[in-house]
Amino acid sequence: MWMVSALEKQRGIRSILGLQEAVCTGACDGYARMARQPALALLHLGPGLGNGLCNLHNARRAGSPVVVMEAAAELAQYEVLLLLDVRRPVAGFGYKPGFISVDESLTSGTAYWDASKGCPPFSHLCLTGGAIGSGPPMATGAAVAAPGRQVINLQADGSAMYTLQALWTQAREQLKVLTIICANNTYAILKVEAMRQRTPGTSSGMTSLSGPAIDWVALATGMGVAAGRTETAEQLAALINQGLEQAGPFLIHAALK
């Protein structure tokens, strides 16, 4: 706690609370990509570092300048801690004014690439490694880095369950994040992998998320995020407009058939 107390007293440093370490490291990745500045994740001991490693893998693949501190009690004996050789961000991002798309829609987002060709210029953050669950925390960090820009998180439902605690941080900080949950009630990416590997007799029970079905509106509102459910394209368009008008975060449970 000595480090938490010290950071809160420093001007120019904004401390943000996350409820799980993968949320913190993923938010640092999103912040670093958009702000083009280093981000610091303060994690709790070795197990906390273990929880956060998944999105550190993605940050490394993206070349994001993320510094991680493991808050071990042994550090308390030192009065000054120097962080040396912090790598500067990679130049040439080329981002233009516009919204920020955080895309972890996975199997549900295949049509997105062609459909977005006619859109005004926007920033696109995507999964860079193999560790899923990066979308919600990355959207959180991107919104902190670019407070004047709308963040839209296109999110698969299965991987969103890895880091749904990010919604609480979005509500706490009142971040402009619109999350669209592509709810197909299945780990479809596992089915794709099974087909590629020609795995015989893969059980649907090991890939289905329908028993019980996940209620994303209930999960979001329980964390302080306004939300709505849609089953048609017309309803989706209306909810997107509603979400874009929100001062803070908004989530859409898009039920796919």
C-alpha atoms as a PDB file:
ATOM      1  CA  MET A   1       0.000   0.000   0.000  1.00  0.00           C
ATOM      2  CA  TRP A   2       2.976   2.310   0.374  1.00  0.00           C
ATOM      3  CA  MET A   3       3.289   2.418  -3.422  1.00  0.00           C
ATOM      4  CA  VAL A   4      -0.432   3.082  -3.901  1.00  0.00           C
ATOM      5  CA  SER A   5      -0.251   5.947  -1.411  1.00  0.00           C
ATOM      6  CA  ALA A   6       2.833   7.413  -3.086  1.00  0.00           C
ATOM      7  CA  LEU A   7       1.367   7.250  -6.584  1.00  0.00           C
ATOM      8  CA  GLU A   8      -1.821   9.030  -5.509  1.00  0.00           C
ATOM      9  CA  LYS A   9       0.274  11.973  -4.275  1.00  0.00           C
ATOM     10  CA  GLN A  10       2.127  12.438  -7.562  1.00  0.00           C
ATOM     11  CA  ARG A  11       0.939  15.102  -9.967  1.00  0.00           C
ATOM     12  CA  GLY A  12       0.543  13.945 -13.531  1.00  0.00           C
ATOM     13  CA  ILE A  13      -0.212  10.347 -12.533  1.00  0.00           C
ATOM     14  CA  ARG A  14      -3.777   9.069 -12.676  1.00  0.00           C
ATOM     15  CA  SER A  15      -4.412   6.011 -10.548  1.00  0.00           C
ATOM     16  CA  ILE A  16      -7.267   3.757 -11.686  1.00  0.00           C
ATOM     17  CA  LEU A  17      -8.574   0.753  -9.781  1.00  0.00           C
ATOM     18  CA  GLY A  18      -9.153  -2.584 -11.507  1.00  0.00           C
ATOM     19  CA  LEU A  19     -10.859  -5.619  -9.969  1.00  0.00           C
ATOM     20  CA  GLN A  20      -8.635  -8.260 -11.589  1.00  0.00           C
ATOM     21  CA  GLU A  21      -5.025  -8.197 -12.751  1.00  0.00           C
ATOM     22  CA  ALA A  22      -5.780  -9.121 -16.376  1.00  0.00           C
ATOM     23  CA  VAL A  23      -8.047  -6.065 -16.497  1.00  0.00           C
ATOM     24  CA  CYS A  24      -5.187  -3.888 -15.268  1.00  0.00           C
ATOM     25  CA  THR A  25      -2.589  -5.202 -17.733  1.00  0.00           C
ATOM     26  CA  GLY A  26      -5.064  -5.105 -20.619  1.00  0.00           C
ATOM     27  CA  ALA A  27      -6.013  -1.515 -19.769  1.00  0.00           C
ATOM     28  CA  CYS A  28      -2.329  -0.584 -19.725  1.00  0.00           C
ATOM     29  CA  ASP A  29      -1.971  -2.097 -23.200  1.00  0.00           C
ATOM     30  CA  GLY A  30      -4.925  -0.091 -24.529  1.00  0.00           C
ATOM     31  CA  TYR A  31      -3.702   3.112 -22.892  1.00  0.00           C
ATOM     32  CA  ALA A  32      -0.157   2.710 -24.207  1.00  0.00           C
ATOM     33  CA  ARG A  33      -1.348   2.049 -27.758  1.00  0.00           C
ATOM     34  CA  MET A  34      -3.532   5.168 -27.852  1.00  0.00           C
ATOM     35  CA  ALA A  35      -1.555   7.641 -25.696  1.00  0.00           C
ATOM     36  CA  ARG A  36       1.815   6.503 -27.055  1.00  0.00           C
ATOM     37  CA  GLN A  37       3.125   6.778 -23.507  1.00  0.00           C
ATOM     38  CA  PRO A  38       4.219   4.121 -20.993  1.00  0.00           C
ATOM     39  CA  ALA A  39       1.604   2.736 -18.619  1.00  0.00           C
ATOM     40  CA  LEU A  40       2.270   1.194 -15.195  1.00  0.00           C
ATOM     41  CA  ALA A  41       0.441  -1.816 -13.749  1.00  0.00           C
ATOM     42  CA  LEU A  42       0.846  -2.384 -10.007  1.00  0.00           C
ATOM     43  CA  LEU A  43      -0.022  -6.020  -9.311  1.00  0.00           C
ATOM     44  CA  HIS A  44      -0.383  -7.962  -6.075  1.00  0.00           C
ATOM     45  CA  LEU A  45       2.442 -10.449  -5.467  1.00  0.00           C
ATOM     46  CA  GLY A  46       3.292 -13.421  -7.685  1.00  0.00           C
ATOM     47  CA  PRO A  47      -0.274 -14.752  -8.142  1.00  0.00           C
ATOM     48  CA  GLY A  48      -1.414 -11.338  -9.315  1.00  0.00           C
ATOM     49  CA  LEU A  49       1.373 -11.262 -11.864  1.00  0.00           C
ATOM     50  CA  GLY A  50       0.241 -14.697 -13.003  1.00  0.00           C
ATOM     51  CA  ASN A  51      -3.296 -13.393 -13.544  1.00  0.00           C
ATOM     52  CA  GLY A  52      -2.018 -10.480 -15.608  1.00  0.00           C
ATOM     53  CA  LEU A  53       0.403 -12.370 -17.859  1.00  0.00           C
ATOM     54  CA  CYS A  54      -2.216 -13.104 -20.546  1.00  0.00           C
ATOM     55  CA  ASN A  55      -2.617  -9.471 -21.578  1.00  0.00           C
ATOM     56  CA  LEU A  56       1.090  -8.766 -21.086  1.00  0.00           C
ATOM     57  CA  HIS A  57       1.583 -11.315 -23.857  1.00  0.00           C
ATOM     58  CA  ASN A  58      -0.731  -9.280 -26.105  1.00  0.00           C
ATOM     59  CA  ALA A  59       1.012  -6.032 -25.091  1.00  0.00           C
ATOM     60  CA  ARG A  60       4.391  -7.486 -26.015  1.00  0.00           C
ATOM     61  CA  ARG A  61       3.098  -8.571 -29.413  1.00  0.00           C
ATOM     62  CA  ALA A  62       1.733  -5.049 -29.952  1.00  0.00           C
ATOM     63  CA  GLY A  63       4.993  -3.393 -28.870  1.00  0.00           C
ATOM     64  CA  SER A  64       3.189  -1.509 -26.101  1.00  0.00           C
ATOM     65  CA  PRO A  65       5.402   0.188 -23.473  1.00  0.00           C
ATOM     66  CA  VAL A  66       3.937  -1.344 -20.305  1.00  0.00           C
ATOM     67  CA  VAL A  67       5.783  -1.363 -16.981  1.00  0.00           C
ATOM     68  CA  VAL A  68       4.723  -3.945 -14.397  1.00  0.00           C
ATOM     69  CA  MET A  69       5.442  -3.799 -10.696  1.00  0.00           C
ATOM     70  CA  GLU A  70       4.816  -6.751  -8.426  1.00  0.00           C
ATOM     71  CA  ALA A  71       3.900  -5.251  -5.049  1.00  0.00           C
ATOM     72  CA  ALA A  72       6.015  -7.539  -2.906  1.00  0.00           C
ATOM     73  CA  ALA A  73       6.488  -6.545   0.709  1.00  0.00           C
ATOM     74  CA  GLU A  74      10.281  -6.692   0.307  1.00  0.00           C
ATOM     75  CA  LEU A  75      10.207  -3.457  -1.737  1.00  0.00           C
ATOM     76  CA  ALA A  76       9.039  -1.450   1.282  1.00  0.00           C
ATOM     77  CA  GLN A  77      12.598  -1.182   2.627  1.00  0.00           C
ATOM     78  CA  TYR A  78      13.588   1.113  -0.243  1.00  0.00           C
ATOM     79  CA  GLU A  79      12.856   4.841  -0.204  1.00  0.00           C
ATOM     80  CA  VAL A  80      13.417   5.404  -3.925  1.00  0.00           C
ATOM     81  CA  LEU A  81      12.697   3.011  -6.775  1.00  0.00           C
ATOM     82  CA  LEU A  82      14.078   3.759 -10.240  1.00  0.00           C
ATOM     83  CA  LEU A  83      12.571   2.210 -13.343  1.00  0.00           C
ATOM     84  CA  LEU A  84      15.328   2.016 -15.924  1.00  0.00           C
ATOM     85  CA  ASP A  85      15.300   1.304 -19.652  1.00  0.00           C
ATOM     86  CA  VAL A  86      11.573   1.835 -20.136  1.00  0.00           C
ATOM     87  CA  ARG A  87      11.147   1.338 -23.870  1.00  0.00           C
ATOM     88  CA  ARG A  88       9.494   4.228 -25.694  1.00  0.00           C
ATOM     89  CA  PRO A  89       6.412   3.501 -27.800  1.00  0.00           C
ATOM     90  CA  VAL A  90       6.771   2.460 -31.404  1.00  0.00           C
ATOM     91  CA  ALA A  91       6.426   5.495 -33.689  1.00  0.00           C
ATOM     92  CA  GLY A  92       4.158   5.796 -36.700  1.00  0.00           C
ATOM     93  CA  PHE A  93       0.771   4.801 -35.359  1.00  0.00           C
ATOM     94  CA  GLY A  94      -0.903   6.968 -38.008  1.00  0.00           C
ATOM     95  CA  TYR A  95      -4.159   7.387 -36.095  1.00  0.00           C
ATOM     96  CA  LYS A  96      -6.536  10.102 -37.227  1.00  0.00           C
ATOM     97  CA  PRO A  97      -9.416  11.753 -35.374  1.00  0.00           C
ATOM     98  CA  GLY A  98     -12.421   9.483 -35.080  1.00  0.00           C
ATOM     99  CA  PHE A  99     -13.755   6.724 -32.915  1.00  0.00           C
ATOM    100  CA  ILE A 100     -11.621   3.931 -31.497  1.00  0.00           C
ATOM    101  CA  SER A 101     -12.589   0.387 -32.423  1.00  0.00           C
ATOM    102  CA  VAL A 102     -11.471  -2.319 -29.999  1.00  0.00           C
ATOM    103  CA  ASP A 103     -12.161  -5.531 -31.889  1.00  0.00           C
ATOM    104  CA  GLU A 104     -12.300  -8.860 -30.081  1.00  0.00           C
ATOM    105  CA  SER A 105     -15.403 -10.095 -31.863  1.00  0.00           C
ATOM    106  CA  LEU A 106     -13.476 -13.174 -33.078  1.00  0.00           C
ATOM    107  CA  THR A 107     -15.767 -15.497 -35.090  1.00  0.00           C
ATOM    108  CA  SER A 108     -18.689 -13.031 -35.030  1.00  0.00           C
ATOM    109  CA  GLY A 109     -16.750 -10.192 -36.638  1.00  0.00           C
ATOM    110  CA  THR A 110     -15.656 -11.625 -39.961  1.00  0.00           C
ATOM    111  CA  ALA A 111     -17.931  -9.289 -41.964  1.00  0.00           C
ATOM    112  CA  TYR A 112     -16.671  -6.256 -40.059  1.00  0.00           C
ATOM    113  CA  TRP A 113     -13.517  -5.797 -42.126  1.00  0.00           C
ATOM    114  CA  ASP A 114     -15.259  -5.307 -45.466  1.00  0.00           C
ATOM    115  CA  ALA A 115     -18.141  -3.333 -43.937  1.00  0.00           C
ATOM    116  CA  SER A 116     -15.757  -0.839 -42.317  1.00  0.00           C
ATOM    117  CA  LYS A 117     -14.015   0.126 -45.562  1.00  0.00           C
ATOM    118  CA  GLY A 118     -16.443   2.991 -46.170  1.00  0.00           C
ATOM    119  CA  CYS A 119     -16.282   4.356 -42.638  1.00  0.00           C
ATOM    120  CA  PRO A 120     -14.623   7.672 -41.759  1.00  0.00           C
ATOM    121  CA  PRO A 121     -11.050   7.273 -40.453  1.00  0.00           C
ATOM    122  CA  PHE A 122     -10.862   5.544 -37.079  1.00  0.00           C
ATOM    123  CA  SER A 123      -8.337   3.811 -34.835  1.00  0.00           C
ATOM    124  CA  HIS A 124      -8.390   0.028 -34.743  1.00  0.00           C
ATOM    125  CA  LEU A 125      -7.071  -1.976 -31.779  1.00  0.00           C
ATOM    126  CA  CYS A 126      -7.225  -5.739 -32.079  1.00  0.00           C
ATOM    127  CA  LEU A 127      -6.078  -8.942 -30.444  1.00  0.00           C
ATOM    128  CA  THR A 128      -2.354  -9.274 -31.177  1.00  0.00           C
ATOM    129  CA  GLY A 129      -1.568 -12.572 -29.445  1.00  0.00           C
ATOM    130  CA  GLY A 130      -3.362 -15.715 -28.456  1.00  0.00           C
ATOM    131  CA  ALA A 131      -4.605 -14.621 -25.023  1.00  0.00           C
ATOM    132  CA  ILE A 132      -8.320 -13.828 -25.297  1.00  0.00           C
ATOM    133  CA  GLY A 133     -10.172 -11.525 -22.925  1.00  0.00           C
ATOM    134  CA  SER A 134      -8.266  -8.404 -23.962  1.00  0.00           C
ATOM    135  CA  GLY A 135     -11.233  -6.442 -25.362  1.00  0.00           C
ATOM    136  CA  PRO A 136     -12.948  -4.916 -22.293  1.00  0.00           C
ATOM    137  CA  PRO A 137      -9.734  -3.911 -20.482  1.00  0.00           C
ATOM    138  CA  MET A 138      -8.132  -2.627 -23.681  1.00  0.00           C
ATOM    139  CA  ALA A 139     -11.224  -0.488 -24.329  1.00  0.00           C
ATOM    140  CA  THR A 140     -10.950   0.827 -20.767  1.00  0.00           C
ATOM    141  CA  GLY A 141      -7.341   1.872 -21.230  1.00  0.00           C
ATOM    142  CA  ALA A 142      -7.997   3.410 -24.638  1.00  0.00           C
ATOM    143  CA  ALA A 143     -10.818   5.528 -23.200  1.00  0.00           C
ATOM    144  CA  VAL A 144      -8.519   6.801 -20.445  1.00  0.00           C
ATOM    145  CA  ALA A 145      -5.835   7.680 -23.004  1.00  0.00           C
ATOM    146  CA  ALA A 146      -8.248   9.468 -25.374  1.00  0.00           C
ATOM    147  CA  PRO A 147     -11.056  10.961 -23.249  1.00  0.00           C
ATOM    148  CA  GLY A 148     -12.421  13.032 -26.126  1.00  0.00           C
ATOM    149  CA  ARG A 149     -13.020  10.053 -28.392  1.00  0.00           C
ATOM    150  CA  GLN A 150     -15.729   7.407 -28.436  1.00  0.00           C
ATOM    151  CA  VAL A 151     -14.544   3.833 -27.874  1.00  0.00           C
ATOM    152  CA  ILE A 152     -16.573   0.973 -29.381  1.00  0.00           C
ATOM    153  CA  ASN A 153     -15.705  -2.521 -28.184  1.00  0.00           C
ATOM    154  CA  LEU A 154     -16.889  -5.282 -30.559  1.00  0.00           C
ATOM    155  CA  GLN A 155     -16.739  -8.204 -28.168  1.00  0.00           C
ATOM    156  CA  ALA A 156     -17.255 -11.965 -28.307  1.00  0.00           C
ATOM    157  CA  ASP A 157     -19.297 -13.221 -25.370  1.00  0.00           C
ATOM    158  CA  GLY A 158     -17.053 -16.097 -24.339  1.00  0.00           C
ATOM    159  CA  SER A 159     -13.849 -14.072 -24.111  1.00  0.00           C
ATOM    160  CA  ALA A 160     -15.696 -11.189 -22.428  1.00  0.00           C
ATOM    161  CA  MET A 161     -16.309 -13.474 -19.451  1.00  0.00           C
ATOM    162  CA  TYR A 162     -12.560 -13.545 -18.824  1.00  0.00           C
ATOM    163  CA  THR A 163     -12.387  -9.853 -17.884  1.00  0.00           C
ATOM    164  CA  LEU A 164     -15.933  -8.575 -17.336  1.00  0.00           C
ATOM    165  CA  GLN A 165     -14.660  -6.782 -14.195  1.00  0.00           C
ATOM    166  CA  ALA A 166     -13.503  -4.052 -16.598  1.00  0.00           C
ATOM    167  CA  LEU A 167     -17.125  -2.875 -16.798  1.00  0.00           C
ATOM    168  CA  TRP A 168     -16.965  -1.835 -13.147  1.00  0.00           C
ATOM    169  CA  THR A 169     -13.873   0.290 -13.810  1.00  0.00           C
ATOM    170  CA  GLN A 170     -15.580   1.875 -16.824  1.00  0.00           C
ATOM    171  CA  ALA A 171     -18.542   2.832 -14.624  1.00  0.00           C
ATOM    172  CA  ARG A 172     -16.319   4.093 -11.820  1.00  0.00           C
ATOM    173  CA  GLU A 173     -14.363   6.347 -14.206  1.00  0.00           C
ATOM    174  CA  GLN A 174     -17.401   7.189 -16.382  1.00  0.00           C
ATOM    175  CA  LEU A 175     -15.556   6.253 -19.556  1.00  0.00           C
ATOM    176  CA  LYS A 176     -17.070   6.658 -23.022  1.00  0.00           C
ATOM    177  CA  VAL A 177     -17.061   2.985 -23.943  1.00  0.00           C
ATOM    178  CA  LEU A 178     -19.834   1.333 -25.943  1.00  0.00           C
ATOM    179  CA  THR A 179     -19.537  -2.443 -25.632  1.00  0.00           C
ATOM    180  CA  ILE A 180     -21.392  -4.620 -28.137  1.00  0.00           C
ATOM    181  CA  ILE A 181     -21.501  -8.222 -26.924  1.00  0.00           C
ATOM    182  CA  CYS A 182     -21.822 -10.604 -29.887  1.00  0.00           C
ATOM    183  CA  ALA A 183     -23.764 -13.227 -27.940  1.00  0.00           C
ATOM    184  CA  ASN A 184     -23.830 -16.493 -29.867  1.00  0.00           C
ATOM    185  CA  ASN A 185     -23.829 -18.429 -26.561  1.00  0.00           C
ATOM    186  CA  THR A 186     -20.895 -20.588 -27.557  1.00  0.00           C
ATOM    187  CA  TYR A 187     -17.135 -20.755 -27.679  1.00  0.00           C
ATOM    188  CA  ALA A 188     -17.270 -20.809 -31.472  1.00  0.00           C
ATOM    189  CA  ILE A 189     -13.515 -20.279 -31.758  1.00  0.00           C
ATOM    190  CA  LEU A 190     -13.020 -23.695 -30.128  1.00  0.00           C
ATOM    191  CA  LYS A 191     -15.313 -25.270 -32.710  1.00  0.00           C
ATOM    192  CA  VAL A 192     -13.224 -23.698 -35.457  1.00  0.00           C
ATOM    193  CA  GLU A 193     -10.037 -25.058 -33.918  1.00  0.00           C
ATOM    194  CA  ALA A 194     -11.608 -28.523 -33.551  1.00  0.00           C
ATOM    195  CA  MET A 195     -12.560 -28.460 -37.222  1.00  0.00           C
ATOM    196  CA  ARG A 196      -9.054 -27.374 -38.255  1.00  0.00           C
ATOM    197  CA  GLN A 197      -7.486 -30.106 -36.169  1.00  0.00           C
ATOM    198  CA  ARG A 198     -10.116 -32.644 -37.246  1.00  0.00           C
ATOM    199  CA  THR A 199     -10.800 -33.524 -33.634  1.00  0.00           C
ATOM    200  CA  PRO A 200     -13.342 -36.359 -33.552  1.00  0.00           C
ATOM    201  CA  GLY A 201     -16.436 -36.208 -31.383  1.00  0.00           C
ATOM    202  CA  THR A 202     -15.922 -32.792 -29.783  1.00  0.00           C
ATOM    203  CA  SER A 203     -18.650 -32.421 -27.152  1.00  0.00           C
ATOM    204  CA  SER A 204     -21.035 -29.493 -27.625  1.00  0.00           C
ATOM    205  CA  GLY A 205     -21.304 -29.380 -23.845  1.00  0.00           C
ATOM    206  CA  MET A 206     -17.694 -28.234 -23.671  1.00  0.00           C
ATOM    207  CA  THR A 207     -18.258 -25.315 -26.054  1.00  0.00           C
ATOM    208  CA  SER A 208     -21.824 -24.216 -25.253  1.00  0.00           C
ATOM    209  CA  LEU A 209     -22.575 -21.181 -23.057  1.00  0.00           C
ATOM    210  CA  SER A 210     -26.345 -21.684 -23.116  1.00  0.00           C
ATOM    211  CA  GLY A 211     -26.847 -23.742 -19.994  1.00  0.00           C
ATOM    212  CA  PRO A 212     -27.419 -21.433 -18.198  1.00  0.00           C
ATOM    213  CA  ALA A 213     -27.504 -18.587 -20.701  1.00  0.00           C
ATOM    214  CA  ILE A 214     -25.495 -15.492 -19.772  1.00  0.00           C
ATOM    215  CA  ASP A 215     -27.576 -12.355 -19.154  1.00  0.00           C
ATOM    216  CA  TRP A 216     -25.264  -9.527 -20.150  1.00  0.00           C
ATOM    217  CA  VAL A 217     -27.786  -6.820 -19.302  1.00  0.00           C
ATOM    218  CA  ALA A 218     -27.942  -8.117 -15.722  1.00  0.00           C
ATOM    219  CA  LEU A 219     -24.154  -8.404 -15.481  1.00  0.00           C
ATOM    220  CA  ALA A 220     -23.603  -4.881 -16.820  1.00  0.00           C
ATOM    221  CA  THR A 221     -26.228  -3.158 -14.686  1.00  0.00           C
ATOM    222  CA  GLY A 222     -24.905  -5.019 -11.658  1.00  0.00           C
ATOM    223  CA  MET A 223     -21.584  -3.270 -12.238  1.00  0.00           C
ATOM    224  CA  GLY A 224     -23.127   0.143 -12.793  1.00  0.00           C
ATOM    225  CA  VAL A 225     -23.187   0.128 -16.612  1.00  0.00           C
ATOM    226  CA  ALA A 226     -26.428   0.925 -18.428  1.00  0.00           C
ATOM    227  CA  ALA A 227     -27.372  -1.799 -20.910  1.00  0.00           C
ATOM    228  CA  GLY A 228     -29.957  -3.077 -23.371  1.00  0.00           C
ATOM    229  CA  ARG A 229     -30.698  -6.260 -25.315  1.00  0.00           C
ATOM    230  CA  THR A 230     -31.404  -6.565 -29.031  1.00  0.00           C
ATOM    231  CA  GLU A 231     -32.446  -9.397 -31.335  1.00  0.00           C
ATOM    232  CA  THR A 232     -32.887  -7.443 -34.599  1.00  0.00           C
ATOM    233  CA  ALA A 233     -30.753  -5.106 -36.694  1.00  0.00           C
ATOM    234  CA  GLU A 234     -33.275  -2.299 -36.196  1.00  0.00           C
ATOM    235  CA  GLN A 235     -33.113  -2.659 -32.424  1.00  0.00           C
ATOM    236  CA  LEU A 236     -29.314  -2.768 -32.591  1.00  0.00           C
ATOM    237  CA  ALA A 237     -29.170   0.515 -34.515  1.00  0.00           C
ATOM    238  CA  ALA A 238     -31.437   2.192 -31.970  1.00  0.00           C
ATOM    239  CA  LEU A 239     -29.385   0.932 -29.031  1.00  0.00           C
ATOM    240  CA  ILE A 240     -26.128   2.024 -30.664  1.00  0.00           C
ATOM    241  CA  ASN A 241     -27.511   5.556 -30.995  1.00  0.00           C
ATOM    242  CA  GLN A 242     -28.643   5.404 -27.371  1.00  0.00           C
ATOM    243  CA  GLY A 243     -25.220   4.211 -26.276  1.00  0.00           C
ATOM    244  CA  LEU A 244     -23.391   6.924 -28.199  1.00  0.00           C
ATOM    245  CA  GLU A 245     -25.474   9.559 -26.419  1.00  0.00           C
ATOM    246  CA  GLN A 246     -24.495   8.271 -22.968  1.00  0.00           C
ATOM    247  CA  ALA A 247     -22.097  10.334 -20.881  1.00  0.00           C
ATOM    248  CA  GLY A 248     -20.539   7.111 -19.573  1.00  0.00           C
ATOM    249  CA  PRO A 249     -20.328   3.441 -20.587  1.00  0.00           C
ATOM    250  CA  PHE A 250     -23.105   1.472 -22.229  1.00  0.00           C
ATOM    251  CA  LEU A 251     -23.412  -2.215 -23.129  1.00  0.00           C
ATOM    252  CA  ILE A 252     -25.514  -3.915 -25.792  1.00  0.00           C
ATOM    253  CA  HIS A 253     -26.380  -7.610 -25.546  1.00  0.00           C
ATOM    254  CA  ALA A 254     -26.701  -8.474 -29.244  1.00  0.00           C
ATOM    255  CA  ALA A 255     -28.365 -11.877 -29.362  1.00  0.00           C
ATOM    256  CA  LEU A 256     -27.133 -13.749 -32.437  1.00  0.00           C
ATOM    257  CA  LYS A 257     -28.959 -16.624 -34.109  1.00  0.00           C
END
